[in-house]
PDB file of N, CA and C in Angstrom:
ATOM      1  N   UNK A   1     149.764 283.639-154.995  1.00  0.00           N
ATOM      2  CA  UNK A   1     149.109 283.266-156.022  1.00  0.00           C
ATOM      3  C   UNK A   1     148.038 284.271-156.363  1.00  0.00           C
ATOM      4  N   UNK A   2     147.403 284.835-156.506  1.00  0.00           N
ATOM      5  CA  UNK A   2     146.303 285.721-156.743  1.00  0.00           C
ATOM      6  C   UNK A   2     145.550 285.094-158.034  1.00  0.00           C
ATOM      7  N   UNK A   3     144.150 285.280-157.767  1.00  0.00           N
ATOM      8  CA  UNK A   3     143.962 284.834-158.954  1.00  0.00           C
ATOM      9  C   UNK A   3     143.517 285.141-160.796  1.00  0.00           C
ATOM     10  N   UNK A   4     144.205 286.630-161.249  1.00  0.00           N
ATOM     11  CA  UNK A   4     144.779 286.405-162.197  1.00  0.00           C
ATOM     12  C   UNK A   4     145.564 285.586-162.348  1.00  0.00           C
ATOM     13  N   UNK A   5     146.603 285.628-162.213  1.00  0.00           N
ATOM     14  CA  UNK A   5     147.914 284.950-161.743  1.00  0.00           C
ATOM     15  C   UNK A   5     147.665 283.370-162.469  1.00  0.00           C
ATOM     16  N   UNK A   6     146.833 282.774-161.368  1.00  0.00           N
ATOM     17  CA  UNK A   6     146.030 281.465-162.186  1.00  0.00           C
ATOM     18  C   UNK A   6     145.219 281.651-162.683  1.00  0.00           C
ATOM     19  N   UNK A   7     144.355 282.085-163.337  1.00  0.00           N
ATOM     20  CA  UNK A   7     143.549 282.274-164.008  1.00  0.00           C
ATOM     21  C   UNK A   7     143.888 282.479-166.100  1.00  0.00           C
ATOM     22  N   UNK A   8     145.435 283.166-165.402  1.00  0.00           N
ATOM     23  CA  UNK A   8     145.877 283.586-166.602  1.00  0.00           C
ATOM     24  C   UNK A   8     147.012 281.518-167.159  1.00  0.00           C
ATOM     25  N   UNK A   9     147.675 280.995-165.767  1.00  0.00           N
ATOM     26  CA  UNK A   9     147.893 279.914-165.851  1.00  0.00           C
ATOM     27  C   UNK A   9     148.311 279.190-166.975  1.00  0.00           C
ATOM     28  N   UNK A  10     147.142 278.832-167.258  1.00  0.00           N
ATOM     29  CA  UNK A  10     146.311 277.782-168.632  1.00  0.00           C
ATOM     30  C   UNK A  10     146.744 278.289-169.824  1.00  0.00           C
ATOM     31  N   UNK A  11     146.748 279.660-170.034  1.00  0.00           N
ATOM     32  CA  UNK A  11     147.012 280.196-171.439  1.00  0.00           C
ATOM     33  C   UNK A  11     148.208 280.015-171.806  1.00  0.00           C
ATOM     34  N   UNK A  12     149.259 280.662-170.258  1.00  0.00           N
ATOM     35  CA  UNK A  12     150.439 280.747-170.484  1.00  0.00           C
ATOM     36  C   UNK A  12     151.072 279.442-170.477  1.00  0.00           C
ATOM     37  N   UNK A  13     150.772 278.291-169.429  1.00  0.00           N
ATOM     38  CA  UNK A  13     151.023 276.668-169.751  1.00  0.00           C
ATOM     39  C   UNK A  13     150.127 275.969-170.136  1.00  0.00           C
ATOM     40  N   UNK A  14     149.606 276.661-171.623  1.00  0.00           N
ATOM     41  CA  UNK A  14     148.199 275.328-172.182  1.00  0.00           C
ATOM     42  C   UNK A  14     148.538 274.482-171.723  1.00  0.00           C
ATOM     43  N   UNK A  15     149.532 273.484-171.877  1.00  0.00           N
ATOM     44  CA  UNK A  15     150.116 271.721-171.863  1.00  0.00           C
ATOM     45  C   UNK A  15     150.237 271.376-170.816  1.00  0.00           C
ATOM     46  N   UNK A  16     150.137 272.465-169.672  1.00  0.00           N
ATOM     47  CA  UNK A  16     150.739 271.464-168.236  1.00  0.00           C
ATOM     48  C   UNK A  16     149.667 270.977-167.567  1.00  0.00           C
ATOM     49  N   UNK A  17     149.872 269.418-167.265  1.00  0.00           N
ATOM     50  CA  UNK A  17     149.768 268.319-166.737  1.00  0.00           C
ATOM     51  C   UNK A  17     149.096 268.274-164.829  1.00  0.00           C
ATOM     52  N   UNK A  18     150.713 268.852-164.839  1.00  0.00           N
ATOM     53  CA  UNK A  18     150.073 268.629-162.790  1.00  0.00           C
ATOM     54  C   UNK A  18     151.003 270.025-162.462  1.00  0.00           C
ATOM     55  N   UNK A  19     150.252 270.703-161.349  1.00  0.00           N
ATOM     56  CA  UNK A  19     150.155 271.636-160.586  1.00  0.00           C
ATOM     57  C   UNK A  19     150.573 271.444-159.111  1.00  0.00           C
ATOM     58  N   UNK A  20     151.420 271.808-158.850  1.00  0.00           N
ATOM     59  CA  UNK A  20     151.879 271.888-157.515  1.00  0.00           C
ATOM     60  C   UNK A  20     151.867 272.825-156.525  1.00  0.00           C
ATOM     61  N   UNK A  21     151.084 272.936-155.678  1.00  0.00           N
ATOM     62  CA  UNK A  21     151.056 274.298-155.458  1.00  0.00           C
ATOM     63  C   UNK A  21     150.889 274.337-153.794  1.00  0.00           C
ATOM     64  N   UNK A  22     151.425 273.093-153.324  1.00  0.00           N
ATOM     65  CA  UNK A  22     151.160 273.539-151.834  1.00  0.00           C
ATOM     66  C   UNK A  22     151.391 274.709-150.869  1.00  0.00           C
ATOM     67  N   UNK A  23     151.007 274.609-149.700  1.00  0.00           N
ATOM     68  CA  UNK A  23     151.234 275.977-149.006  1.00  0.00           C
ATOM     69  C   UNK A  23     151.309 276.888-149.549  1.00  0.00           C
ATOM     70  N   UNK A  24     150.113 277.714-150.231  1.00  0.00           N
ATOM     71  CA  UNK A  24     149.489 278.679-150.919  1.00  0.00           C
ATOM     72  C   UNK A  24     147.756 278.647-150.527  1.00  0.00           C
ATOM     73  N   UNK A  25     147.747 280.047-150.553  1.00  0.00           N
ATOM     74  CA  UNK A  25     146.540 280.573-150.184  1.00  0.00           C
ATOM     75  C   UNK A  25     145.363 280.465-151.797  1.00  0.00           C
ATOM     76  N   UNK A  26     144.672 279.951-151.822  1.00  0.00           N
ATOM     77  CA  UNK A  26     143.164 278.949-152.782  1.00  0.00           C
ATOM     78  C   UNK A  26     142.213 279.902-152.100  1.00  0.00           C
ATOM     79  N   UNK A  27     141.442 280.906-152.786  1.00  0.00           N
ATOM     80  CA  UNK A  27     139.897 281.136-151.942  1.00  0.00           C
ATOM     81  C   UNK A  27     138.431 279.694-152.961  1.00  0.00           C
ATOM     82  N   UNK A  28     138.669 279.550-154.029  1.00  0.00           N
ATOM     83  CA  UNK A  28     137.961 278.901-155.043  1.00  0.00           C
ATOM     84  C   UNK A  28     138.290 278.503-156.127  1.00  0.00           C
ATOM     85  N   UNK A  29     138.504 277.300-156.069  1.00  0.00           N
ATOM     86  CA  UNK A  29     138.871 276.905-157.637  1.00  0.00           C
ATOM     87  C   UNK A  29     138.336 277.247-158.665  1.00  0.00           C
ATOM     88  N   UNK A  30     137.155 278.495-159.001  1.00  0.00           N
ATOM     89  CA  UNK A  30     137.116 279.360-159.328  1.00  0.00           C
ATOM     90  C   UNK A  30     138.051 279.652-160.459  1.00  0.00           C
ATOM     91  N   UNK A  31     139.538 280.558-159.336  1.00  0.00           N
ATOM     92  CA  UNK A  31     140.584 281.385-159.358  1.00  0.00           C
ATOM     93  C   UNK A  31     141.051 280.966-160.888  1.00  0.00           C
ATOM     94  N   UNK A  32     141.185 279.138-160.867  1.00  0.00           N
ATOM     95  CA  UNK A  32     141.941 278.344-162.099  1.00  0.00           C
ATOM     96  C   UNK A  32     140.750 278.962-163.882  1.00  0.00           C
ATOM     97  N   UNK A  33     140.159 278.853-163.536  1.00  0.00           N
ATOM     98  CA  UNK A  33     139.440 279.643-165.085  1.00  0.00           C
ATOM     99  C   UNK A  33     139.008 278.641-165.999  1.00  0.00           C
ATOM    100  N   UNK A  34     139.692 278.678-166.739  1.00  0.00           N
ATOM    101  CA  UNK A  34     138.529 277.780-167.599  1.00  0.00           C
ATOM    102  C   UNK A  34     139.569 276.725-168.349  1.00  0.00           C
ATOM    103  N   UNK A  35     141.094 277.729-168.235  1.00  0.00           N
ATOM    104  CA  UNK A  35     142.065 277.446-169.218  1.00  0.00           C
ATOM    105  C   UNK A  35     142.934 276.352-168.946  1.00  0.00           C
ATOM    106  N   UNK A  36     142.628 275.703-168.286  1.00  0.00           N
ATOM    107  CA  UNK A  36     143.867 274.386-167.770  1.00  0.00           C
ATOM    108  C   UNK A  36     142.888 272.801-167.813  1.00  0.00           C
ATOM    109  N   UNK A  37     142.956 272.312-169.162  1.00  0.00           N
ATOM    110  CA  UNK A  37     142.597 271.637-169.566  1.00  0.00           C
ATOM    111  C   UNK A  37     142.649 270.386-169.919  1.00  0.00           C
ATOM    112  N   UNK A  38     143.770 270.293-169.948  1.00  0.00           N
ATOM    113  CA  UNK A  38     145.089 268.986-169.685  1.00  0.00           C
ATOM    114  C   UNK A  38     145.921 268.783-168.839  1.00  0.00           C
ATOM    115  N   UNK A  39     145.353 270.075-167.628  1.00  0.00           N
ATOM    116  CA  UNK A  39     146.104 269.918-166.106  1.00  0.00           C
ATOM    117  C   UNK A  39     145.383 268.306-164.866  1.00  0.00           C
ATOM    118  N   UNK A  40     146.210 267.418-165.124  1.00  0.00           N
ATOM    119  CA  UNK A  40     145.636 266.440-165.196  1.00  0.00           C
ATOM    120  C   UNK A  40     145.812 265.628-163.514  1.00  0.00           C
ATOM    121  N   UNK A  41     147.291 266.427-162.406  1.00  0.00           N
ATOM    122  CA  UNK A  41     146.885 266.097-160.877  1.00  0.00           C
ATOM    123  C   UNK A  41     147.578 267.552-160.604  1.00  0.00           C
ATOM    124  N   UNK A  42     146.750 267.271-159.331  1.00  0.00           N
ATOM    125  CA  UNK A  42     146.964 269.489-158.592  1.00  0.00           C
ATOM    126  C   UNK A  42     147.323 268.609-156.909  1.00  0.00           C
ATOM    127  N   UNK A  43     147.909 269.669-156.730  1.00  0.00           N
ATOM    128  CA  UNK A  43     148.578 269.452-155.436  1.00  0.00           C
ATOM    129  C   UNK A  43     148.580 270.263-155.093  1.00  0.00           C
ATOM    130  N   UNK A  44     146.934 271.109-153.653  1.00  0.00           N
ATOM    131  CA  UNK A  44     147.027 272.255-153.022  1.00  0.00           C
ATOM    132  C   UNK A  44     146.603 271.959-151.357  1.00  0.00           C
ATOM    133  N   UNK A  45     148.548 271.215-151.258  1.00  0.00           N
ATOM    134  CA  UNK A  45     147.772 269.894-149.680  1.00  0.00           C
ATOM    135  C   UNK A  45     148.346 271.606-148.923  1.00  0.00           C
ATOM    136  N   UNK A  46     147.977 272.037-148.100  1.00  0.00           N
ATOM    137  CA  UNK A  46     148.383 273.217-146.996  1.00  0.00           C
ATOM    138  C   UNK A  46     148.016 274.075-147.592  1.00  0.00           C
ATOM    139  N   UNK A  47     146.937 274.703-148.313  1.00  0.00           N
ATOM    140  CA  UNK A  47     146.897 275.714-148.944  1.00  0.00           C
ATOM    141  C   UNK A  47     145.172 276.058-148.665  1.00  0.00           C
ATOM    142  N   UNK A  48     145.079 276.484-147.047  1.00  0.00           N
ATOM    143  CA  UNK A  48     143.880 276.823-146.633  1.00  0.00           C
ATOM    144  C   UNK A  48     142.370 276.976-147.693  1.00  0.00           C
ATOM    145  N   UNK A  49     141.854 275.690-148.314  1.00  0.00           N
ATOM    146  CA  UNK A  49     141.307 275.665-149.013  1.00  0.00           C
ATOM    147  C   UNK A  49     140.460 275.342-147.727  1.00  0.00           C
ATOM    148  N   UNK A  50     139.135 275.513-148.419  1.00  0.00           N
ATOM    149  CA  UNK A  50     137.679 275.530-147.038  1.00  0.00           C
ATOM    150  C   UNK A  50     136.483 275.297-148.301  1.00  0.00           C
ATOM    151  N   UNK A  51     136.517 274.875-149.098  1.00  0.00           N
ATOM    152  CA  UNK A  51     135.348 274.605-150.223  1.00  0.00           C
ATOM    153  C   UNK A  51     135.998 273.686-151.220  1.00  0.00           C
ATOM    154  N   UNK A  52     135.140 273.260-151.707  1.00  0.00           N
ATOM    155  CA  UNK A  52     135.693 272.472-153.469  1.00  0.00           C
ATOM    156  C   UNK A  52     134.747 273.357-154.210  1.00  0.00           C
ATOM    157  N   UNK A  53     133.560 274.006-154.251  1.00  0.00           N
ATOM    158  CA  UNK A  53     133.224 274.779-155.157  1.00  0.00           C
ATOM    159  C   UNK A  53     134.431 275.765-156.702  1.00  0.00           C
ATOM    160  N   UNK A  54     133.586 275.384-157.390  1.00  0.00           N
ATOM    161  CA  UNK A  54     134.072 275.592-158.811  1.00  0.00           C
ATOM    162  C   UNK A  54     134.598 274.431-159.216  1.00  0.00           C
ATOM    163  N   UNK A  55     135.612 273.058-158.384  1.00  0.00           N
ATOM    164  CA  UNK A  55     135.981 272.248-159.480  1.00  0.00           C
ATOM    165  C   UNK A  55     135.417 271.744-160.417  1.00  0.00           C
ATOM    166  N   UNK A  56     134.349 271.932-160.793  1.00  0.00           N
ATOM    167  CA  UNK A  56     133.876 271.537-161.447  1.00  0.00           C
ATOM    168  C   UNK A  56     134.929 272.086-163.412  1.00  0.00           C
ATOM    169  N   UNK A  57     135.394 273.185-162.995  1.00  0.00           N
ATOM    170  CA  UNK A  57     136.020 273.507-164.462  1.00  0.00           C
ATOM    171  C   UNK A  57     137.468 272.240-164.259  1.00  0.00           C
ATOM    172  N   UNK A  58     137.922 272.418-163.595  1.00  0.00           N
ATOM    173  CA  UNK A  58     138.776 270.980-163.539  1.00  0.00           C
ATOM    174  C   UNK A  58     138.961 269.195-164.241  1.00  0.00           C
ATOM    175  N   UNK A  59     137.452 269.418-165.333  1.00  0.00           N
ATOM    176  CA  UNK A  59     137.113 267.532-165.305  1.00  0.00           C
ATOM    177  C   UNK A  59     137.643 267.302-165.546  1.00  0.00           C
ATOM    178  N   UNK A  60     139.672 267.288-165.874  1.00  0.00           N
ATOM    179  CA  UNK A  60     140.836 266.489-166.833  1.00  0.00           C
ATOM    180  C   UNK A  60     141.147 265.932-165.558  1.00  0.00           C
ATOM    181  N   UNK A  61     140.931 266.485-164.476  1.00  0.00           N
ATOM    182  CA  UNK A  61     141.865 265.914-162.854  1.00  0.00           C
ATOM    183  C   UNK A  61     141.611 264.417-162.766  1.00  0.00           C
ATOM    184  N   UNK A  62     143.007 263.696-163.085  1.00  0.00           N
ATOM    185  CA  UNK A  62     142.585 262.454-161.998  1.00  0.00           C
ATOM    186  C   UNK A  62     143.014 262.544-160.575  1.00  0.00           C
ATOM    187  N   UNK A  63     144.153 263.246-160.511  1.00  0.00           N
ATOM    188  CA  UNK A  63     144.920 263.178-159.355  1.00  0.00           C
ATOM    189  C   UNK A  63     143.986 264.573-158.514  1.00  0.00           C
ATOM    190  N   UNK A  64     143.495 264.207-157.338  1.00  0.00           N
ATOM    191  CA  UNK A  64     143.738 265.985-156.719  1.00  0.00           C
ATOM    192  C   UNK A  64     144.217 265.230-154.398  1.00  0.00           C
ATOM    193  N   UNK A  65     144.919 266.457-154.594  1.00  0.00           N
ATOM    194  CA  UNK A  65     145.875 266.000-153.303  1.00  0.00           C
ATOM    195  C   UNK A  65     145.212 267.390-152.467  1.00  0.00           C
ATOM    196  N   UNK A  66     144.574 267.441-151.004  1.00  0.00           N
ATOM    197  CA  UNK A  66     144.155 268.254-150.683  1.00  0.00           C
ATOM    198  C   UNK A  66     143.898 268.206-149.161  1.00  0.00           C
ATOM    199  N   UNK A  67     145.265 267.269-148.584  1.00  0.00           N
ATOM    200  CA  UNK A  67     145.409 267.042-147.270  1.00  0.00           C
ATOM    201  C   UNK A  67     145.582 268.588-146.446  1.00  0.00           C
ATOM    202  N   UNK A  68     145.541 268.467-144.598  1.00  0.00           N
ATOM    203  CA  UNK A  68     145.914 269.639-144.612  1.00  0.00           C
ATOM    204  C   UNK A  68     144.934 270.855-144.886  1.00  0.00           C
ATOM    205  N   UNK A  69     143.739 270.875-145.086  1.00  0.00           N
ATOM    206  CA  UNK A  69     142.452 272.001-145.379  1.00  0.00           C
ATOM    207  C   UNK A  69     141.570 271.983-144.711  1.00  0.00           C
ATOM    208  N   UNK A  70     141.390 272.962-144.461  1.00  0.00           N
ATOM    209  CA  UNK A  70     139.879 272.926-144.225  1.00  0.00           C
ATOM    210  C   UNK A  70     138.621 272.573-144.302  1.00  0.00           C
ATOM    211  N   UNK A  71     138.035 271.531-145.511  1.00  0.00           N
ATOM    212  CA  UNK A  71     136.763 271.312-146.025  1.00  0.00           C
ATOM    213  C   UNK A  71     136.747 270.458-145.589  1.00  0.00           C
ATOM    214  N   UNK A  72     135.258 270.628-145.658  1.00  0.00           N
ATOM    215  CA  UNK A  72     133.562 270.335-144.778  1.00  0.00           C
ATOM    216  C   UNK A  72     133.097 269.360-145.814  1.00  0.00           C
ATOM    217  N   UNK A  73     132.229 269.268-147.114  1.00  0.00           N
ATOM    218  CA  UNK A  73     131.694 269.429-147.883  1.00  0.00           C
ATOM    219  C   UNK A  73     132.401 268.575-149.267  1.00  0.00           C
ATOM    220  N   UNK A  74     132.055 267.387-149.560  1.00  0.00           N
ATOM    221  CA  UNK A  74     132.400 267.260-150.777  1.00  0.00           C
ATOM    222  C   UNK A  74     131.602 266.577-151.608  1.00  0.00           C
ATOM    223  N   UNK A  75     130.536 267.397-151.836  1.00  0.00           N
ATOM    224  CA  UNK A  75     129.416 267.851-153.409  1.00  0.00           C
ATOM    225  C   UNK A  75     129.577 267.840-154.316  1.00  0.00           C
ATOM    226  N   UNK A  76     130.344 268.821-154.203  1.00  0.00           N
ATOM    227  CA  UNK A  76     131.221 269.487-155.138  1.00  0.00           C
ATOM    228  C   UNK A  76     131.724 268.844-155.670  1.00  0.00           C
ATOM    229  N   UNK A  77     132.269 267.320-155.365  1.00  0.00           N
ATOM    230  CA  UNK A  77     133.335 266.594-156.255  1.00  0.00           C
ATOM    231  C   UNK A  77     132.089 265.539-156.673  1.00  0.00           C
ATOM    232  N   UNK A  78     131.001 265.562-156.900  1.00  0.00           N
ATOM    233  CA  UNK A  78     129.634 264.191-157.890  1.00  0.00           C
ATOM    234  C   UNK A  78     129.949 264.392-158.931  1.00  0.00           C
ATOM    235  N   UNK A  79     130.329 263.694-159.260  1.00  0.00           N
ATOM    236  CA  UNK A  79     129.757 263.419-160.989  1.00  0.00           C
ATOM    237  C   UNK A  79     131.258 263.648-161.682  1.00  0.00           C
ATOM    238  N   UNK A  80     132.184 263.934-160.705  1.00  0.00           N
ATOM    239  CA  UNK A  80     133.837 264.404-161.416  1.00  0.00           C
ATOM    240  C   UNK A  80     134.011 262.965-161.577  1.00  0.00           C
ATOM    241  N   UNK A  81     133.701 262.968-163.910  1.00  0.00           N
ATOM    242  CA  UNK A  81     134.365 261.810-163.952  1.00  0.00           C
ATOM    243  C   UNK A  81     135.547 260.833-164.361  1.00  0.00           C
ATOM    244  N   UNK A  82     136.432 261.770-164.016  1.00  0.00           N
ATOM    245  CA  UNK A  82     138.123 260.782-164.398  1.00  0.00           C
ATOM    246  C   UNK A  82     139.058 260.696-163.293  1.00  0.00           C
ATOM    247  N   UNK A  83     138.250 261.261-162.584  1.00  0.00           N
ATOM    248  CA  UNK A  83     139.112 261.031-160.451  1.00  0.00           C
ATOM    249  C   UNK A  83     139.759 260.015-160.091  1.00  0.00           C
ATOM    250  N   UNK A  84     141.005 259.534-160.099  1.00  0.00           N
ATOM    251  CA  UNK A  84     141.083 257.731-159.986  1.00  0.00           C
ATOM    252  C   UNK A  84     142.146 258.159-158.108  1.00  0.00           C
ATOM    253  N   UNK A  85     142.333 258.632-158.007  1.00  0.00           N
ATOM    254  CA  UNK A  85     143.551 258.808-156.466  1.00  0.00           C
ATOM    255  C   UNK A  85     142.572 260.243-155.529  1.00  0.00           C
ATOM    256  N   UNK A  86     142.277 260.522-154.509  1.00  0.00           N
ATOM    257  CA  UNK A  86     141.469 261.966-153.861  1.00  0.00           C
ATOM    258  C   UNK A  86     142.198 261.766-152.368  1.00  0.00           C
ATOM    259  N   UNK A  87     143.378 262.366-152.067  1.00  0.00           N
ATOM    260  CA  UNK A  87     143.907 262.825-151.201  1.00  0.00           C
ATOM    261  C   UNK A  87     142.698 263.519-149.913  1.00  0.00           C
ATOM    262  N   UNK A  88     142.408 263.501-149.162  1.00  0.00           N
ATOM    263  CA  UNK A  88     141.337 264.425-147.898  1.00  0.00           C
ATOM    264  C   UNK A  88     141.855 264.265-146.777  1.00  0.00           C
ATOM    265  N   UNK A  89     143.583 264.123-146.813  1.00  0.00           N
ATOM    266  CA  UNK A  89     143.657 263.882-145.273  1.00  0.00           C
ATOM    267  C   UNK A  89     144.230 265.265-144.172  1.00  0.00           C
ATOM    268  N   UNK A  90     143.205 265.094-142.799  1.00  0.00           N
ATOM    269  CA  UNK A  90     143.377 266.722-142.154  1.00  0.00           C
ATOM    270  C   UNK A  90     142.475 267.279-141.968  1.00  0.00           C
ATOM    271  N   UNK A  91     141.734 266.881-142.877  1.00  0.00           N
ATOM    272  CA  UNK A  91     140.656 267.839-142.865  1.00  0.00           C
ATOM    273  C   UNK A  91     139.712 268.322-142.304  1.00  0.00           C
ATOM    274  N   UNK A  92     138.386 268.893-142.602  1.00  0.00           N
ATOM    275  CA  UNK A  92     137.066 268.735-141.958  1.00  0.00           C
ATOM    276  C   UNK A  92     136.203 267.625-142.160  1.00  0.00           C
ATOM    277  N   UNK A  93     136.177 266.472-142.961  1.00  0.00           N
ATOM    278  CA  UNK A  93     135.361 266.203-142.885  1.00  0.00           C
ATOM    279  C   UNK A  93     134.013 265.331-141.577  1.00  0.00           C
ATOM    280  N   UNK A  94     133.329 265.468-140.994  1.00  0.00           N
ATOM    281  CA  UNK A  94     132.823 264.892-139.880  1.00  0.00           C
ATOM    282  C   UNK A  94     131.729 264.368-140.357  1.00  0.00           C
ATOM    283  N   UNK A  95     131.019 264.380-141.217  1.00  0.00           N
ATOM    284  CA  UNK A  95     130.197 263.522-141.497  1.00  0.00           C
ATOM    285  C   UNK A  95     130.312 262.724-142.670  1.00  0.00           C
ATOM    286  N   UNK A  96     130.342 261.582-141.913  1.00  0.00           N
ATOM    287  CA  UNK A  96     130.545 260.104-143.234  1.00  0.00           C
ATOM    288  C   UNK A  96     129.973 260.550-143.827  1.00  0.00           C
ATOM    289  N   UNK A  97     128.913 260.234-144.047  1.00  0.00           N
ATOM    290  CA  UNK A  97     127.517 261.002-145.626  1.00  0.00           C
ATOM    291  C   UNK A  97     128.319 261.398-146.741  1.00  0.00           C
ATOM    292  N   UNK A  98     129.435 262.718-146.246  1.00  0.00           N
ATOM    293  CA  UNK A  98     129.696 262.640-147.881  1.00  0.00           C
ATOM    294  C   UNK A  98     130.966 261.891-148.443  1.00  0.00           C
ATOM    295  N   UNK A  99     131.249 261.065-148.243  1.00  0.00           N
ATOM    296  CA  UNK A  99     131.958 260.330-148.915  1.00  0.00           C
ATOM    297  C   UNK A  99     131.205 259.897-149.470  1.00  0.00           C
ATOM    298  N   UNK A 100     129.674 259.225-149.132  1.00  0.00           N
ATOM    299  CA  UNK A 100     128.978 258.877-149.696  1.00  0.00           C
ATOM    300  C   UNK A 100     129.237 259.888-151.405  1.00  0.00           C
ATOM    301  N   UNK A 101     129.602 260.955-151.323  1.00  0.00           N
ATOM    302  CA  UNK A 101     129.861 261.539-152.642  1.00  0.00           C
ATOM    303  C   UNK A 101     130.363 261.184-153.608  1.00  0.00           C
ATOM    304  N   UNK A 102     131.450 260.686-153.268  1.00  0.00           N
ATOM    305  CA  UNK A 102     132.300 259.817-154.211  1.00  0.00           C
ATOM    306  C   UNK A 102     131.389 259.138-154.792  1.00  0.00           C
ATOM    307  N   UNK A 103     130.774 257.848-154.535  1.00  0.00           N
ATOM    308  CA  UNK A 103     130.390 257.266-154.962  1.00  0.00           C
ATOM    309  C   UNK A 103     129.981 257.097-156.545  1.00  0.00           C
ATOM    310  N   UNK A 104     129.895 258.866-156.994  1.00  0.00           N
ATOM    311  CA  UNK A 104     129.427 258.524-158.453  1.00  0.00           C
ATOM    312  C   UNK A 104     131.062 258.591-159.181  1.00  0.00           C
ATOM    313  N   UNK A 105     131.879 258.813-158.443  1.00  0.00           N
ATOM    314  CA  UNK A 105     133.617 259.142-158.901  1.00  0.00           C
ATOM    315  C   UNK A 105     133.517 257.813-159.646  1.00  0.00           C
ATOM    316  N   UNK A 106     132.671 256.921-160.329  1.00  0.00           N
ATOM    317  CA  UNK A 106     133.207 255.967-161.250  1.00  0.00           C
ATOM    318  C   UNK A 106     134.900 255.699-161.084  1.00  0.00           C
ATOM    319  N   UNK A 107     135.712 256.581-161.247  1.00  0.00           N
ATOM    320  CA  UNK A 107     136.836 255.244-161.783  1.00  0.00           C
ATOM    321  C   UNK A 107     137.586 255.528-160.179  1.00  0.00           C
ATOM    322  N   UNK A 108     137.061 256.063-159.435  1.00  0.00           N
ATOM    323  CA  UNK A 108     138.323 256.458-158.378  1.00  0.00           C
ATOM    324  C   UNK A 108     138.088 255.161-157.686  1.00  0.00           C
ATOM    325  N   UNK A 109     139.916 254.630-157.754  1.00  0.00           N
ATOM    326  CA  UNK A 109     140.565 253.638-156.940  1.00  0.00           C
ATOM    327  C   UNK A 109     141.015 253.819-155.595  1.00  0.00           C
ATOM    328  N   UNK A 110     141.865 254.883-155.710  1.00  0.00           N
ATOM    329  CA  UNK A 110     142.054 255.062-154.385  1.00  0.00           C
ATOM    330  C   UNK A 110     141.619 256.789-153.067  1.00  0.00           C
ATOM    331  N   UNK A 111     141.291 256.906-152.155  1.00  0.00           N
ATOM    332  CA  UNK A 111     141.175 257.588-151.267  1.00  0.00           C
ATOM    333  C   UNK A 111     141.758 258.150-149.846  1.00  0.00           C
ATOM    334  N   UNK A 112     142.592 258.818-149.299  1.00  0.00           N
ATOM    335  CA  UNK A 112     143.080 258.636-148.077  1.00  0.00           C
ATOM    336  C   UNK A 112     142.558 259.804-147.508  1.00  0.00           C
ATOM    337  N   UNK A 113     142.080 259.494-146.326  1.00  0.00           N
ATOM    338  CA  UNK A 113     141.095 259.925-145.066  1.00  0.00           C
ATOM    339  C   UNK A 113     141.627 259.738-144.329  1.00  0.00           C
ATOM    340  N   UNK A 114     142.475 259.563-143.809  1.00  0.00           N
ATOM    341  CA  UNK A 114     143.141 259.464-142.348  1.00  0.00           C
ATOM    342  C   UNK A 114     143.496 260.699-141.847  1.00  0.00           C
TER     343      UNK A 114
END
């Protein structure tokens, strides 16, 4: 996937609600641009994700699957109001204080850490 094709995706499919890009290469959530307003479920497992900077552009996300990446910092997810399910298994979360950042995701009901 390229940055340009991802940012155009919302314009091409304006009502898309679920997107599976497992085993791709996403360098930044900013690649998604601001056009995926209806996206509810995003799967980016095993996709070389190193950080969550820019995740704020996807405010409507209810489910986020980021297992098997290289994420260390969960701070950008703080106050992500709609998140209900979050899978972060097999990442580089070594500091349990990072999990505290999710305390502001008030709707979060399921967290996968394994």
